Amino acid sequence: MDSLEFLNDALEDKINNQTFYNEAAVIVRNPSARQLFLRLRDEEMKHIEILQKEIVAIDNKPFTVTKILAKLKNS
């Protein structure tokens, strides 16, 4: 698994978590629990944004580290 695949898998997990927290916030009746789910949802959104930026950066230009890791992987 390369860096890009790993980041895409992590992104998919974060999106699934965000969806879960959002749905839970909608159906839960306890206001404290609702606030907790909303806070968790918002945290996941921050993680999603970071992962998306990393994925775009890797897609747009190969980093030296990425090149070195690819060479080591093929050795």
PDB file of N, CA and C in Angstrom:
ATOM      1  N   MET A   1       0.859  -1.171   0.000  1.00  0.00           N
ATOM      2  CA  MET A   1       0.000   0.000   0.000  1.00  0.00           C
ATOM      3  C   MET A   1       0.909   1.238   0.000  1.00  0.00           C
ATOM      4  N   ASP A   2       0.693   2.121  -0.945  1.00  0.00           N
ATOM      5  CA  ASP A   2       1.497   3.334  -0.985  1.00  0.00           C
ATOM      6  C   ASP A   2       0.831   4.444  -0.167  1.00  0.00           C
ATOM      7  N   SER A   3       1.528   5.566  -0.072  1.00  0.00           N
ATOM      8  CA  SER A   3       1.046   6.699   0.740  1.00  0.00           C
ATOM      9  C   SER A   3      -0.325   7.190   0.293  1.00  0.00           C
ATOM     10  N   LEU A   4      -0.503   7.279  -1.000  1.00  0.00           N
ATOM     11  CA  LEU A   4      -1.765   7.788  -1.532  1.00  0.00           C
ATOM     12  C   LEU A   4      -2.926   6.846  -1.198  1.00  0.00           C
ATOM     13  N   GLU A   5      -2.712   5.557  -1.332  1.00  0.00           N
ATOM     14  CA  GLU A   5      -3.757   4.584  -0.980  1.00  0.00           C
ATOM     15  C   GLU A   5      -4.088   4.660   0.505  1.00  0.00           C
ATOM     16  N   PHE A   6      -3.042   4.788   1.314  1.00  0.00           N
ATOM     17  CA  PHE A   6      -3.242   4.883   2.757  1.00  0.00           C
ATOM     18  C   PHE A   6      -4.064   6.124   3.106  1.00  0.00           C
ATOM     19  N   LEU A   7      -3.721   7.268   2.503  1.00  0.00           N
ATOM     20  CA  LEU A   7      -4.455   8.504   2.772  1.00  0.00           C
ATOM     21  C   LEU A   7      -5.898   8.418   2.294  1.00  0.00           C
ATOM     22  N   ASN A   8      -6.110   7.804   1.148  1.00  0.00           N
ATOM     23  CA  ASN A   8      -7.482   7.643   0.645  1.00  0.00           C
ATOM     24  C   ASN A   8      -8.305   6.743   1.551  1.00  0.00           C
ATOM     25  N   ASP A   9      -7.693   5.678   2.061  1.00  0.00           N
ATOM     26  CA  ASP A   9      -8.400   4.804   3.008  1.00  0.00           C
ATOM     27  C   ASP A   9      -8.735   5.554   4.297  1.00  0.00           C
ATOM     28  N   ALA A  10      -7.775   6.330   4.787  1.00  0.00           N
ATOM     29  CA  ALA A  10      -8.011   7.114   6.003  1.00  0.00           C
ATOM     30  C   ALA A  10      -9.116   8.144   5.764  1.00  0.00           C
ATOM     31  N   LEU A  11      -9.104   8.760   4.585  1.00  0.00           N
ATOM     32  CA  LEU A  11     -10.134   9.741   4.240  1.00  0.00           C
ATOM     33  C   LEU A  11     -11.512   9.089   4.227  1.00  0.00           C
ATOM     34  N   GLU A  12     -11.605   7.926   3.641  1.00  0.00           N
ATOM     35  CA  GLU A  12     -12.884   7.208   3.594  1.00  0.00           C
ATOM     36  C   GLU A  12     -13.381   6.897   5.005  1.00  0.00           C
ATOM     37  N   ASP A  13     -12.475   6.469   5.880  1.00  0.00           N
ATOM     38  CA  ASP A  13     -12.852   6.196   7.269  1.00  0.00           C
ATOM     39  C   ASP A  13     -13.350   7.451   7.975  1.00  0.00           C
ATOM     40  N   LYS A  14     -12.656   8.562   7.759  1.00  0.00           N
ATOM     41  CA  LYS A  14     -13.049   9.817   8.399  1.00  0.00           C
ATOM     42  C   LYS A  14     -14.416  10.283   7.914  1.00  0.00           C
ATOM     43  N   ILE A  15     -14.682  10.117   6.631  1.00  0.00           N
ATOM     44  CA  ILE A  15     -15.991  10.493   6.082  1.00  0.00           C
ATOM     45  C   ILE A  15     -17.087   9.620   6.681  1.00  0.00           C
ATOM     46  N   ASN A  16     -16.822   8.327   6.800  1.00  0.00           N
ATOM     47  CA  ASN A  16     -17.797   7.420   7.419  1.00  0.00           C
ATOM     48  C   ASN A  16     -18.048   7.796   8.876  1.00  0.00           C
ATOM     49  N   ASN A  17     -16.981   8.138   9.597  1.00  0.00           N
ATOM     50  CA  ASN A  17     -17.137   8.553  10.997  1.00  0.00           C
ATOM     51  C   ASN A  17     -17.953   9.826  11.099  1.00  0.00           C
ATOM     52  N   GLN A  18     -17.665  10.778  10.220  1.00  0.00           N
ATOM     53  CA  GLN A  18     -18.390  12.043  10.246  1.00  0.00           C
ATOM     54  C   GLN A  18     -19.879  11.810   9.981  1.00  0.00           C
ATOM     55  N   THR A  19     -20.186  10.953   9.038  1.00  0.00           N
ATOM     56  CA  THR A  19     -21.576  10.629   8.724  1.00  0.00           C
ATOM     57  C   THR A  19     -22.264  10.002   9.932  1.00  0.00           C
ATOM     58  N   PHE A  20     -21.564   9.070  10.587  1.00  0.00           N
ATOM     59  CA  PHE A  20     -22.125   8.421  11.772  1.00  0.00           C
ATOM     60  C   PHE A  20     -22.432   9.440  12.865  1.00  0.00           C
ATOM     61  N   TYR A  21     -21.458  10.313  13.167  1.00  0.00           N
ATOM     62  CA  TYR A  21     -21.653  11.309  14.222  1.00  0.00           C
ATOM     63  C   TYR A  21     -22.786  12.268  13.886  1.00  0.00           C
ATOM     64  N   ASN A  22     -22.879  12.641  12.633  1.00  0.00           N
ATOM     65  CA  ASN A  22     -23.944  13.552  12.224  1.00  0.00           C
ATOM     66  C   ASN A  22     -25.314  12.891  12.372  1.00  0.00           C
ATOM     67  N   GLU A  23     -25.423  11.647  11.919  1.00  0.00           N
ATOM     68  CA  GLU A  23     -26.695  10.923  12.042  1.00  0.00           C
ATOM     69  C   GLU A  23     -27.063  10.703  13.505  1.00  0.00           C
ATOM     70  N   ALA A  24     -26.074  10.399  14.331  1.00  0.00           N
ATOM     71  CA  ALA A  24     -26.340  10.192  15.752  1.00  0.00           C
ATOM     72  C   ALA A  24     -26.822  11.485  16.399  1.00  0.00           C
ATOM     73  N   ALA A  25     -26.231  12.609  16.007  1.00  0.00           N
ATOM     74  CA  ALA A  25     -26.637  13.899  16.573  1.00  0.00           C
ATOM     75  C   ALA A  25     -28.080  14.228  16.221  1.00  0.00           C
ATOM     76  N   VAL A  26     -28.519  13.782  15.070  1.00  0.00           N
ATOM     77  CA  VAL A  26     -29.885  14.061  14.632  1.00  0.00           C
ATOM     78  C   VAL A  26     -30.898  13.247  15.435  1.00  0.00           C
ATOM     79  N   ILE A  27     -30.565  12.001  15.752  1.00  0.00           N
ATOM     80  CA  ILE A  27     -31.564  11.146  16.398  1.00  0.00           C
ATOM     81  C   ILE A  27     -31.491  11.115  17.922  1.00  0.00           C
ATOM     82  N   VAL A  28     -30.365  11.512  18.500  1.00  0.00           N
ATOM     83  CA  VAL A  28     -30.245  11.450  19.958  1.00  0.00           C
ATOM     84  C   VAL A  28     -31.066  12.578  20.597  1.00  0.00           C
ATOM     85  N   ARG A  29     -31.644  12.301  21.748  1.00  0.00           N
ATOM     86  CA  ARG A  29     -32.511  13.276  22.401  1.00  0.00           C
ATOM     87  C   ARG A  29     -31.779  14.064  23.495  1.00  0.00           C
ATOM     88  N   ASN A  30     -30.791  13.474  24.076  1.00  0.00           N
ATOM     89  CA  ASN A  30     -30.051  14.127  25.151  1.00  0.00           C
ATOM     90  C   ASN A  30     -29.207  15.274  24.591  1.00  0.00           C
ATOM     91  N   PRO A  31     -29.418  16.503  25.067  1.00  0.00           N
ATOM     92  CA  PRO A  31     -28.684  17.661  24.523  1.00  0.00           C
ATOM     93  C   PRO A  31     -27.164  17.555  24.698  1.00  0.00           C
ATOM     94  N   SER A  32     -26.723  16.993  25.814  1.00  0.00           N
ATOM     95  CA  SER A  32     -25.278  16.842  26.037  1.00  0.00           C
ATOM     96  C   SER A  32     -24.680  15.846  25.052  1.00  0.00           C
ATOM     97  N   ALA A  33     -25.377  14.763  24.837  1.00  0.00           N
ATOM     98  CA  ALA A  33     -24.914  13.761  23.875  1.00  0.00           C
ATOM     99  C   ALA A  33     -24.913  14.346  22.465  1.00  0.00           C
ATOM    100  N   ARG A  34     -25.943  15.119  22.151  1.00  0.00           N
ATOM    101  CA  ARG A  34     -26.019  15.756  20.832  1.00  0.00           C
ATOM    102  C   ARG A  34     -24.809  16.664  20.617  1.00  0.00           C
ATOM    103  N   GLN A  35     -24.483  17.463  21.627  1.00  0.00           N
ATOM    104  CA  GLN A  35     -23.329  18.361  21.516  1.00  0.00           C
ATOM    105  C   GLN A  35     -22.035  17.580  21.337  1.00  0.00           C
ATOM    106  N   LEU A  36     -21.916  16.459  22.029  1.00  0.00           N
ATOM    107  CA  LEU A  36     -20.730  15.618  21.886  1.00  0.00           C
ATOM    108  C   LEU A  36     -20.620  15.094  20.459  1.00  0.00           C
ATOM    109  N   PHE A  37     -21.707  14.574  19.916  1.00  0.00           N
ATOM    110  CA  PHE A  37     -21.675  14.070  18.541  1.00  0.00           C
ATOM    111  C   PHE A  37     -21.363  15.178  17.543  1.00  0.00           C
ATOM    112  N   LEU A  38     -21.886  16.356  17.769  1.00  0.00           N
ATOM    113  CA  LEU A  38     -21.605  17.480  16.868  1.00  0.00           C
ATOM    114  C   LEU A  38     -20.134  17.891  16.952  1.00  0.00           C
ATOM    115  N   ARG A  39     -19.591  17.865  18.147  1.00  0.00           N
ATOM    116  CA  ARG A  39     -18.170  18.191  18.324  1.00  0.00           C
ATOM    117  C   ARG A  39     -17.289  17.154  17.628  1.00  0.00           C
ATOM    118  N   LEU A  40     -17.635  15.887  17.793  1.00  0.00           N
ATOM    119  CA  LEU A  40     -16.886  14.817  17.127  1.00  0.00           C
ATOM    120  C   LEU A  40     -16.991  14.932  15.608  1.00  0.00           C
ATOM    121  N   ARG A  41     -18.186  15.258  15.125  1.00  0.00           N
ATOM    122  CA  ARG A  41     -18.385  15.457  13.687  1.00  0.00           C
ATOM    123  C   ARG A  41     -17.490  16.576  13.163  1.00  0.00           C
ATOM    124  N   ASP A  42     -17.439  17.670  13.904  1.00  0.00           N
ATOM    125  CA  ASP A  42     -16.620  18.810  13.487  1.00  0.00           C
ATOM    126  C   ASP A  42     -15.128  18.471  13.506  1.00  0.00           C
ATOM    127  N   GLU A  43     -14.707  17.690  14.489  1.00  0.00           N
ATOM    128  CA  GLU A  43     -13.309  17.250  14.536  1.00  0.00           C
ATOM    129  C   GLU A  43     -12.971  16.394  13.319  1.00  0.00           C
ATOM    130  N   GLU A  44     -13.884  15.514  12.962  1.00  0.00           N
ATOM    131  CA  GLU A  44     -13.655  14.674  11.787  1.00  0.00           C
ATOM    132  C   GLU A  44     -13.540  15.536  10.531  1.00  0.00           C
ATOM    133  N   MET A  45     -14.309  16.614  10.455  1.00  0.00           N
ATOM    134  CA  MET A  45     -14.236  17.499   9.293  1.00  0.00           C
ATOM    135  C   MET A  45     -12.852  18.131   9.185  1.00  0.00           C
ATOM    136  N   LYS A  46     -12.278  18.507  10.310  1.00  0.00           N
ATOM    137  CA  LYS A  46     -10.913  19.055  10.302  1.00  0.00           C
ATOM    138  C   LYS A  46      -9.931  18.014   9.755  1.00  0.00           C
ATOM    139  N   HIS A  47     -10.092  16.783  10.197  1.00  0.00           N
ATOM    140  CA  HIS A  47      -9.214  15.703   9.723  1.00  0.00           C
ATOM    141  C   HIS A  47      -9.403  15.465   8.228  1.00  0.00           C
ATOM    142  N   ILE A  48     -10.649  15.528   7.777  1.00  0.00           N
ATOM    143  CA  ILE A  48     -10.955  15.337   6.356  1.00  0.00           C
ATOM    144  C   ILE A  48     -10.261  16.409   5.524  1.00  0.00           C
ATOM    145  N   GLU A  49     -10.329  17.641   5.974  1.00  0.00           N
ATOM    146  CA  GLU A  49      -9.692  18.735   5.238  1.00  0.00           C
ATOM    147  C   GLU A  49      -8.184  18.545   5.148  1.00  0.00           C
ATOM    148  N   ILE A  50      -7.568  18.125   6.243  1.00  0.00           N
ATOM    149  CA  ILE A  50      -6.121  17.887   6.251  1.00  0.00           C
ATOM    150  C   ILE A  50      -5.763  16.764   5.285  1.00  0.00           C
ATOM    151  N   LEU A  51      -6.506  15.672   5.344  1.00  0.00           N
ATOM    152  CA  LEU A  51      -6.230  14.542   4.454  1.00  0.00           C
ATOM    153  C   LEU A  51      -6.424  14.930   2.990  1.00  0.00           C
ATOM    154  N   GLN A  52      -7.464  15.695   2.701  1.00  0.00           N
ATOM    155  CA  GLN A  52      -7.698  16.120   1.320  1.00  0.00           C
ATOM    156  C   GLN A  52      -6.538  16.976   0.810  1.00  0.00           C
ATOM    157  N   LYS A  53      -6.009  17.852   1.644  1.00  0.00           N
ATOM    158  CA  LYS A  53      -4.875  18.686   1.246  1.00  0.00           C
ATOM    159  C   LYS A  53      -3.644  17.831   0.970  1.00  0.00           C
ATOM    160  N   GLU A  54      -3.425  16.836   1.811  1.00  0.00           N
ATOM    161  CA  GLU A  54      -2.283  15.935   1.614  1.00  0.00           C
ATOM    162  C   GLU A  54      -2.422  15.150   0.312  1.00  0.00           C
ATOM    163  N   ILE A  55      -3.608  14.662   0.043  1.00  0.00           N
ATOM    164  CA  ILE A  55      -3.849  13.889  -1.173  1.00  0.00           C
ATOM    165  C   ILE A  55      -3.622  14.752  -2.405  1.00  0.00           C
ATOM    166  N   VAL A  56      -4.134  15.968  -2.387  1.00  0.00           N
ATOM    167  CA  VAL A  56      -3.942  16.884  -3.515  1.00  0.00           C
ATOM    168  C   VAL A  56      -2.454  17.181  -3.705  1.00  0.00           C
ATOM    169  N   ALA A  57      -1.743  17.402  -2.604  1.00  0.00           N
ATOM    170  CA  ALA A  57      -0.315  17.705  -2.692  1.00  0.00           C
ATOM    171  C   ALA A  57       0.451  16.535  -3.308  1.00  0.00           C
ATOM    172  N   ILE A  58       0.130  15.327  -2.918  1.00  0.00           N
ATOM    173  CA  ILE A  58       0.807  14.153  -3.475  1.00  0.00           C
ATOM    174  C   ILE A  58       0.435  13.963  -4.931  1.00  0.00           C
ATOM    175  N   ASP A  59      -0.823  14.166  -5.269  1.00  0.00           N
ATOM    176  CA  ASP A  59      -1.267  14.018  -6.655  1.00  0.00           C
ATOM    177  C   ASP A  59      -0.618  15.042  -7.579  1.00  0.00           C
ATOM    178  N   ASN A  60      -0.434  16.264  -7.080  1.00  0.00           N
ATOM    179  CA  ASN A  60       0.051  17.338  -7.930  1.00  0.00           C
ATOM    180  C   ASN A  60       1.555  17.335  -8.158  1.00  0.00           C
ATOM    181  N   LYS A  61       2.305  16.913  -7.193  1.00  0.00           N
ATOM    182  CA  LYS A  61       3.751  16.866  -7.387  1.00  0.00           C
ATOM    183  C   LYS A  61       4.354  15.808  -6.475  1.00  0.00           C
ATOM    184  N   PRO A  62       5.171  14.970  -7.033  1.00  0.00           N
ATOM    185  CA  PRO A  62       5.797  13.938  -6.199  1.00  0.00           C
ATOM    186  C   PRO A  62       6.850  14.562  -5.285  1.00  0.00           C
ATOM    187  N   PHE A  63       6.778  14.252  -4.031  1.00  0.00           N
ATOM    188  CA  PHE A  63       7.770  14.721  -3.073  1.00  0.00           C
ATOM    189  C   PHE A  63       9.024  13.874  -3.187  1.00  0.00           C
ATOM    190  N   THR A  64      10.134  14.452  -2.790  1.00  0.00           N
ATOM    191  CA  THR A  64      11.389  13.704  -2.783  1.00  0.00           C
ATOM    192  C   THR A  64      11.249  12.469  -1.902  1.00  0.00           C
ATOM    193  N   VAL A  65      10.608  12.630  -0.764  1.00  0.00           N
ATOM    194  CA  VAL A  65      10.412  11.495   0.139  1.00  0.00           C
ATOM    195  C   VAL A  65       9.613  10.405  -0.549  1.00  0.00           C
ATOM    196  N   THR A  66       8.595  10.787  -1.302  1.00  0.00           N
ATOM    197  CA  THR A  66       7.787   9.815  -2.026  1.00  0.00           C
ATOM    198  C   THR A  66       8.638   9.062  -3.037  1.00  0.00           C
ATOM    199  N   LYS A  67       9.502   9.764  -3.720  1.00  0.00           N
ATOM    200  CA  LYS A  67      10.386   9.134  -4.693  1.00  0.00           C
ATOM    201  C   LYS A  67      11.346   8.165  -4.006  1.00  0.00           C
ATOM    202  N   ILE A  68      11.902   8.588  -2.883  1.00  0.00           N
ATOM    203  CA  ILE A  68      12.854   7.737  -2.149  1.00  0.00           C
ATOM    204  C   ILE A  68      12.138   6.480  -1.653  1.00  0.00           C
ATOM    205  N   LEU A  69      10.948   6.649  -1.095  1.00  0.00           N
ATOM    206  CA  LEU A  69      10.200   5.488  -0.601  1.00  0.00           C
ATOM    207  C   LEU A  69       9.861   4.532  -1.731  1.00  0.00           C
ATOM    208  N   ALA A  70       9.521   5.066  -2.893  1.00  0.00           N
ATOM    209  CA  ALA A  70       9.214   4.214  -4.039  1.00  0.00           C
ATOM    210  C   ALA A  70      10.445   3.406  -4.455  1.00  0.00           C
ATOM    211  N   LYS A  71      11.604   4.042  -4.434  1.00  0.00           N
ATOM    212  CA  LYS A  71      12.855   3.345  -4.788  1.00  0.00           C
ATOM    213  C   LYS A  71      13.162   2.253  -3.781  1.00  0.00           C
ATOM    214  N   LEU A  72      12.979   2.567  -2.498  1.00  0.00           N
ATOM    215  CA  LEU A  72      13.248   1.566  -1.462  1.00  0.00           C
ATOM    216  C   LEU A  72      12.278   0.400  -1.565  1.00  0.00           C
ATOM    217  N   LYS A  73      11.046   0.697  -1.897  1.00  0.00           N
ATOM    218  CA  LYS A  73      10.023  -0.333  -2.025  1.00  0.00           C
ATOM    219  C   LYS A  73      10.353  -1.295  -3.170  1.00  0.00           C
ATOM    220  N   ASN A  74      10.901  -0.746  -4.248  1.00  0.00           N
ATOM    221  CA  ASN A  74      11.224  -1.556  -5.433  1.00  0.00           C
ATOM    222  C   ASN A  74      12.543  -2.305  -5.292  1.00  0.00           C
ATOM    223  N   SER A  75      13.334  -1.970  -4.289  1.00  0.00           N
ATOM    224  CA  SER A  75      14.646  -2.637  -4.111  1.00  0.00           C
ATOM    225  C   SER A  75      14.515  -4.007  -3.517  1.00  0.00           C
TER     226      SER A  75
END
